[in-house]
Amino acid sequence: MTDQTEQTAALDPEDKKIITLARSARARNGVAEGAAVRDETGRTYVACTVALPSLKLTALQTAVAMAVASGAKGLEAAAVVTEAEAPAEGDLAAVRDLGGPSAPVLLAGPDGTFRQAF
């Protein structure tokens, strides 16, 4: 097994689930990123990149906003599926605003392979 395969196998099943949901949102909508967050009660929020002339949000910012709008008081974890090598600073900040420093941001490639937690 490769290191990445071993890391993916070691992920919590709930973390694998949000990566899968994020990947599905990205593929379904044909956008650059898909994201999912899990709140303190276990509810998940799935989103993709928003690119309107008047509003631009990354997938992770959108997922965090959906959680907040639904009454979430905290986040357990977040996942973003992207070709980027790391989440944007604004993405990390949004997750930390709601989830604090303990909420991991899981980065996965377009094929859903886990790369790294931030």
N, C-alpha and C. Protein backbone atom coordinates (compact mmCIF):
# COMPACT_ATOMS: atom_id res chain seq x y z
N MET A 1 0.83 -1.19 0.00
CA MET A 1 0.00 0.00 0.00
C MET A 1 0.87 1.25 0.00
N THR A 2 0.42 2.29 -0.70
CA THR A 2 1.14 3.55 -0.68
C THR A 2 0.78 4.32 0.58
N ASP A 3 1.56 5.33 0.90
CA ASP A 3 1.27 6.15 2.07
C ASP A 3 -0.11 6.77 1.99
N GLN A 4 -0.49 7.28 0.80
CA GLN A 4 -1.80 7.90 0.65
C GLN A 4 -2.91 6.87 0.84
N THR A 5 -2.75 5.68 0.31
CA THR A 5 -3.75 4.64 0.46
C THR A 5 -3.87 4.26 1.93
N GLU A 6 -2.75 4.15 2.62
CA GLU A 6 -2.77 3.84 4.04
C GLU A 6 -3.46 4.95 4.83
N GLN A 7 -3.17 6.20 4.48
CA GLN A 7 -3.81 7.32 5.17
C GLN A 7 -5.32 7.30 4.95
N THR A 8 -5.74 7.04 3.71
CA THR A 8 -7.17 6.99 3.41
C THR A 8 -7.83 5.86 4.18
N ALA A 9 -7.20 4.71 4.24
CA ALA A 9 -7.75 3.56 4.96
C ALA A 9 -7.87 3.86 6.45
N ALA A 10 -6.98 4.70 6.98
CA ALA A 10 -6.99 5.01 8.41
C ALA A 10 -8.01 6.10 8.77
N LEU A 11 -8.59 6.74 7.80
CA LEU A 11 -9.57 7.79 8.09
C LEU A 11 -10.80 7.22 8.76
N ASP A 12 -11.39 8.00 9.63
CA ASP A 12 -12.66 7.66 10.25
C ASP A 12 -13.72 7.50 9.16
N PRO A 13 -14.64 6.54 9.28
CA PRO A 13 -15.68 6.37 8.25
C PRO A 13 -16.50 7.64 8.00
N GLU A 14 -16.73 8.44 9.02
CA GLU A 14 -17.47 9.69 8.84
C GLU A 14 -16.66 10.71 8.04
N ASP A 15 -15.33 10.67 8.19
CA ASP A 15 -14.47 11.55 7.40
C ASP A 15 -14.44 11.10 5.95
N LYS A 16 -14.40 9.79 5.73
CA LYS A 16 -14.47 9.27 4.36
C LYS A 16 -15.79 9.70 3.71
N LYS A 17 -16.85 9.69 4.50
CA LYS A 17 -18.17 10.07 3.98
C LYS A 17 -18.18 11.51 3.49
N ILE A 18 -17.61 12.45 4.26
CA ILE A 18 -17.67 13.84 3.80
C ILE A 18 -16.76 14.07 2.59
N ILE A 19 -15.68 13.29 2.48
CA ILE A 19 -14.85 13.38 1.27
C ILE A 19 -15.65 12.89 0.06
N THR A 20 -16.36 11.79 0.23
CA THR A 20 -17.19 11.24 -0.86
C THR A 20 -18.28 12.22 -1.26
N LEU A 21 -18.92 12.84 -0.29
CA LEU A 21 -19.97 13.82 -0.58
C LEU A 21 -19.40 15.04 -1.31
N ALA A 22 -18.23 15.50 -0.88
CA ALA A 22 -17.59 16.64 -1.53
C ALA A 22 -17.21 16.31 -2.97
N ARG A 23 -16.70 15.12 -3.17
CA ARG A 23 -16.32 14.69 -4.52
C ARG A 23 -17.55 14.60 -5.42
N SER A 24 -18.64 14.09 -4.89
CA SER A 24 -19.88 13.98 -5.67
C SER A 24 -20.41 15.34 -6.08
N ALA A 25 -20.37 16.31 -5.16
CA ALA A 25 -20.84 17.67 -5.49
C ALA A 25 -20.00 18.28 -6.60
N ARG A 26 -18.69 18.09 -6.51
CA ARG A 26 -17.78 18.63 -7.54
C ARG A 26 -18.09 18.02 -8.90
N ALA A 27 -18.22 16.70 -8.94
CA ALA A 27 -18.47 16.01 -10.20
C ALA A 27 -19.85 16.34 -10.77
N ARG A 28 -20.86 16.33 -9.91
CA ARG A 28 -22.24 16.58 -10.36
C ARG A 28 -22.39 17.95 -10.98
N ASN A 29 -21.71 18.94 -10.42
CA ASN A 29 -21.86 20.31 -10.89
C ASN A 29 -20.76 20.77 -11.84
N GLY A 30 -19.77 19.94 -12.07
CA GLY A 30 -18.70 20.27 -13.00
C GLY A 30 -17.93 21.52 -12.61
N VAL A 31 -17.63 21.66 -11.31
CA VAL A 31 -16.93 22.84 -10.82
C VAL A 31 -15.55 22.47 -10.30
N ALA A 32 -14.76 23.48 -9.98
CA ALA A 32 -13.37 23.26 -9.56
C ALA A 32 -13.25 22.58 -8.20
N GLU A 33 -14.20 22.84 -7.31
CA GLU A 33 -14.12 22.31 -5.96
C GLU A 33 -15.47 21.83 -5.47
N GLY A 34 -15.42 20.82 -4.63
CA GLY A 34 -16.58 20.38 -3.87
C GLY A 34 -16.17 20.32 -2.42
N ALA A 35 -17.10 20.56 -1.51
CA ALA A 35 -16.77 20.54 -0.09
C ALA A 35 -17.93 20.00 0.71
N ALA A 36 -17.61 19.55 1.91
CA ALA A 36 -18.63 19.11 2.85
C ALA A 36 -18.11 19.39 4.25
N VAL A 37 -19.02 19.73 5.14
CA VAL A 37 -18.68 19.92 6.55
C VAL A 37 -19.65 19.10 7.39
N ARG A 38 -19.18 18.69 8.56
CA ARG A 38 -20.00 17.96 9.52
C ARG A 38 -20.09 18.81 10.79
N ASP A 39 -21.32 19.09 11.22
CA ASP A 39 -21.46 19.95 12.40
C ASP A 39 -21.40 19.14 13.70
N GLU A 40 -21.58 19.84 14.80
CA GLU A 40 -21.44 19.23 16.12
C GLU A 40 -22.50 18.17 16.41
N THR A 41 -23.56 18.13 15.64
CA THR A 41 -24.61 17.12 15.85
C THR A 41 -24.51 15.98 14.84
N GLY A 42 -23.54 16.06 13.92
CA GLY A 42 -23.36 15.03 12.92
C GLY A 42 -24.04 15.33 11.59
N ARG A 43 -24.75 16.45 11.50
CA ARG A 43 -25.37 16.81 10.22
C ARG A 43 -24.28 17.23 9.23
N THR A 44 -24.52 16.94 7.96
CA THR A 44 -23.55 17.32 6.93
C THR A 44 -24.15 18.35 5.99
N TYR A 45 -23.29 19.19 5.47
CA TYR A 45 -23.66 20.23 4.51
C TYR A 45 -22.69 20.11 3.35
N VAL A 46 -23.23 20.00 2.16
CA VAL A 46 -22.43 19.77 0.96
C VAL A 46 -22.60 20.95 0.02
N ALA A 47 -21.49 21.40 -0.57
CA ALA A 47 -21.56 22.57 -1.45
C ALA A 47 -20.48 22.50 -2.51
N CYS A 48 -20.62 23.37 -3.48
CA CYS A 48 -19.59 23.51 -4.51
C CYS A 48 -19.28 24.99 -4.69
N THR A 49 -18.35 25.27 -5.54
CA THR A 49 -17.93 26.63 -5.82
C THR A 49 -19.12 27.45 -6.32
N VAL A 50 -19.23 28.68 -5.82
CA VAL A 50 -20.25 29.63 -6.31
C VAL A 50 -19.50 30.70 -7.08
N ALA A 51 -19.83 30.85 -8.34
CA ALA A 51 -19.15 31.84 -9.18
C ALA A 51 -20.18 32.61 -9.99
N LEU A 52 -20.79 33.57 -9.30
CA LEU A 52 -21.75 34.47 -9.95
C LEU A 52 -21.07 35.81 -10.18
N PRO A 53 -21.58 36.62 -11.09
CA PRO A 53 -20.97 37.94 -11.27
C PRO A 53 -20.91 38.76 -9.97
N SER A 54 -21.91 38.61 -9.11
CA SER A 54 -21.96 39.42 -7.89
C SER A 54 -21.55 38.67 -6.63
N LEU A 55 -21.27 37.37 -6.73
CA LEU A 55 -20.95 36.59 -5.53
C LEU A 55 -19.98 35.46 -5.89
N LYS A 56 -18.85 35.45 -5.21
CA LYS A 56 -17.87 34.39 -5.43
C LYS A 56 -17.49 33.79 -4.08
N LEU A 57 -17.74 32.49 -3.95
CA LEU A 57 -17.39 31.76 -2.73
C LEU A 57 -16.72 30.45 -3.12
N THR A 58 -15.74 30.04 -2.35
CA THR A 58 -15.18 28.72 -2.56
C THR A 58 -16.20 27.69 -2.06
N ALA A 59 -15.99 26.46 -2.43
CA ALA A 59 -16.90 25.40 -2.00
C ALA A 59 -16.93 25.29 -0.47
N LEU A 60 -15.78 25.38 0.17
CA LEU A 60 -15.73 25.25 1.62
C LEU A 60 -16.40 26.44 2.31
N GLN A 61 -16.20 27.64 1.80
CA GLN A 61 -16.89 28.80 2.37
C GLN A 61 -18.40 28.64 2.24
N THR A 62 -18.86 28.11 1.11
CA THR A 62 -20.28 27.90 0.90
C THR A 62 -20.82 26.87 1.88
N ALA A 63 -20.11 25.77 2.09
CA ALA A 63 -20.55 24.73 3.02
C ALA A 63 -20.62 25.27 4.45
N VAL A 64 -19.62 26.05 4.85
CA VAL A 64 -19.63 26.64 6.19
C VAL A 64 -20.82 27.60 6.32
N ALA A 65 -21.06 28.42 5.30
CA ALA A 65 -22.19 29.35 5.34
C ALA A 65 -23.51 28.60 5.45
N MET A 66 -23.64 27.48 4.74
CA MET A 66 -24.86 26.67 4.83
C MET A 66 -25.05 26.12 6.24
N ALA A 67 -23.96 25.69 6.86
CA ALA A 67 -24.04 25.18 8.23
C ALA A 67 -24.49 26.28 9.19
N VAL A 68 -23.89 27.45 9.07
CA VAL A 68 -24.25 28.58 9.93
C VAL A 68 -25.71 28.96 9.72
N ALA A 69 -26.13 29.03 8.46
CA ALA A 69 -27.51 29.41 8.15
C ALA A 69 -28.52 28.38 8.66
N SER A 70 -28.06 27.15 8.88
CA SER A 70 -28.94 26.10 9.39
C SER A 70 -28.88 25.98 10.91
N GLY A 71 -28.09 26.84 11.55
CA GLY A 71 -28.06 26.86 13.00
C GLY A 71 -26.93 26.09 13.65
N ALA A 72 -25.96 25.62 12.89
CA ALA A 72 -24.83 24.89 13.47
C ALA A 72 -24.07 25.81 14.43
N LYS A 73 -23.67 25.23 15.54
CA LYS A 73 -22.91 25.98 16.55
C LYS A 73 -21.42 25.64 16.51
N GLY A 74 -21.06 24.59 15.77
CA GLY A 74 -19.67 24.19 15.67
C GLY A 74 -19.50 23.17 14.56
N LEU A 75 -18.25 22.90 14.22
CA LEU A 75 -17.93 21.90 13.20
C LEU A 75 -17.02 20.84 13.79
N GLU A 76 -17.27 19.59 13.39
CA GLU A 76 -16.38 18.50 13.77
C GLU A 76 -15.28 18.32 12.74
N ALA A 77 -15.62 18.49 11.45
CA ALA A 77 -14.65 18.28 10.38
C ALA A 77 -15.14 18.91 9.09
N ALA A 78 -14.21 19.13 8.19
CA ALA A 78 -14.52 19.67 6.87
C ALA A 78 -13.67 18.93 5.85
N ALA A 79 -14.17 18.86 4.61
CA ALA A 79 -13.42 18.24 3.53
C ALA A 79 -13.57 19.08 2.28
N VAL A 80 -12.50 19.15 1.51
CA VAL A 80 -12.54 19.84 0.23
C VAL A 80 -11.86 18.95 -0.80
N VAL A 81 -12.51 18.79 -1.94
CA VAL A 81 -11.97 18.02 -3.05
C VAL A 81 -11.61 19.01 -4.15
N THR A 82 -10.34 19.03 -4.50
CA THR A 82 -9.82 20.04 -5.40
C THR A 82 -8.52 19.57 -6.04
N GLU A 83 -8.11 20.26 -7.09
CA GLU A 83 -6.80 20.01 -7.67
C GLU A 83 -5.72 20.80 -6.95
N ALA A 84 -6.10 21.78 -6.14
CA ALA A 84 -5.13 22.61 -5.41
C ALA A 84 -4.32 21.76 -4.44
N GLU A 85 -3.14 22.24 -4.13
CA GLU A 85 -2.24 21.53 -3.20
C GLU A 85 -2.57 21.78 -1.74
N ALA A 86 -3.35 22.83 -1.47
CA ALA A 86 -3.72 23.17 -0.10
C ALA A 86 -5.00 23.99 -0.12
N PRO A 87 -5.76 23.94 0.96
CA PRO A 87 -6.95 24.80 1.03
C PRO A 87 -6.53 26.28 1.07
N ALA A 88 -7.37 27.12 0.54
CA ALA A 88 -7.11 28.57 0.60
C ALA A 88 -7.16 29.04 2.06
N GLU A 89 -6.41 30.09 2.35
CA GLU A 89 -6.39 30.63 3.71
C GLU A 89 -7.80 31.02 4.18
N GLY A 90 -8.60 31.58 3.26
CA GLY A 90 -9.97 31.95 3.61
C GLY A 90 -10.82 30.75 3.98
N ASP A 91 -10.55 29.61 3.35
CA ASP A 91 -11.26 28.37 3.69
C ASP A 91 -10.91 27.92 5.10
N LEU A 92 -9.63 27.90 5.39
CA LEU A 92 -9.19 27.51 6.73
C LEU A 92 -9.77 28.44 7.78
N ALA A 93 -9.77 29.73 7.49
CA ALA A 93 -10.31 30.71 8.44
C ALA A 93 -11.79 30.49 8.69
N ALA A 94 -12.56 30.21 7.64
CA ALA A 94 -14.00 29.98 7.80
C ALA A 94 -14.27 28.76 8.67
N VAL A 95 -13.53 27.69 8.45
CA VAL A 95 -13.70 26.48 9.27
C VAL A 95 -13.30 26.78 10.71
N ARG A 96 -12.21 27.47 10.92
CA ARG A 96 -11.75 27.80 12.29
C ARG A 96 -12.75 28.72 13.00
N ASP A 97 -13.37 29.64 12.26
CA ASP A 97 -14.35 30.54 12.87
C ASP A 97 -15.48 29.75 13.52
N LEU A 98 -15.92 28.70 12.88
CA LEU A 98 -17.05 27.91 13.39
C LEU A 98 -16.60 26.67 14.14
N GLY A 99 -15.50 26.06 13.69
CA GLY A 99 -15.08 24.79 14.28
C GLY A 99 -13.96 24.88 15.28
N GLY A 100 -13.34 26.04 15.37
CA GLY A 100 -12.19 26.17 16.27
C GLY A 100 -10.98 25.46 15.70
N PRO A 101 -9.89 25.44 16.46
CA PRO A 101 -8.65 24.87 15.96
C PRO A 101 -8.65 23.35 15.86
N SER A 102 -9.61 22.69 16.48
CA SER A 102 -9.60 21.22 16.49
C SER A 102 -10.31 20.59 15.30
N ALA A 103 -11.04 21.37 14.52
CA ALA A 103 -11.77 20.82 13.37
C ALA A 103 -10.81 20.64 12.20
N PRO A 104 -10.52 19.40 11.80
CA PRO A 104 -9.61 19.20 10.68
C PRO A 104 -10.25 19.58 9.35
N VAL A 105 -9.42 20.08 8.45
CA VAL A 105 -9.83 20.30 7.07
C VAL A 105 -9.11 19.24 6.25
N LEU A 106 -9.88 18.31 5.71
CA LEU A 106 -9.33 17.19 4.95
C LEU A 106 -9.24 17.58 3.49
N LEU A 107 -8.07 17.46 2.91
CA LEU A 107 -7.85 17.79 1.51
C LEU A 107 -7.77 16.50 0.71
N ALA A 108 -8.56 16.43 -0.36
CA ALA A 108 -8.54 15.26 -1.24
C ALA A 108 -8.44 15.72 -2.68
N GLY A 109 -7.86 14.86 -3.51
CA GLY A 109 -7.76 15.15 -4.93
C GLY A 109 -9.07 14.87 -5.64
N PRO A 110 -9.15 15.23 -6.92
CA PRO A 110 -10.38 15.04 -7.69
C PRO A 110 -10.89 13.60 -7.72
N ASP A 111 -9.99 12.64 -7.53
CA ASP A 111 -10.41 11.23 -7.51
C ASP A 111 -10.87 10.79 -6.12
N GLY A 112 -10.86 11.72 -5.15
CA GLY A 112 -11.30 11.41 -3.80
C GLY A 112 -10.21 10.86 -2.90
N THR A 113 -8.97 10.77 -3.42
CA THR A 113 -7.87 10.27 -2.61
C THR A 113 -7.47 11.31 -1.59
N PHE A 114 -7.49 10.92 -0.32
CA PHE A 114 -7.08 11.80 0.77
C PHE A 114 -5.62 12.17 0.60
N ARG A 115 -5.32 13.46 0.74
CA ARG A 115 -3.93 13.94 0.64
C ARG A 115 -3.35 14.32 1.97
N GLN A 116 -4.10 15.17 2.70
CA GLN A 116 -3.54 15.75 3.92
C GLN A 116 -4.63 16.40 4.74
N ALA A 117 -4.44 16.46 6.05
CA ALA A 117 -5.34 17.20 6.93
C ALA A 117 -4.64 18.49 7.37
N PHE A 118 -5.42 19.56 7.43
CA PHE A 118 -4.89 20.85 7.86
C PHE A 118 -5.60 21.27 9.14
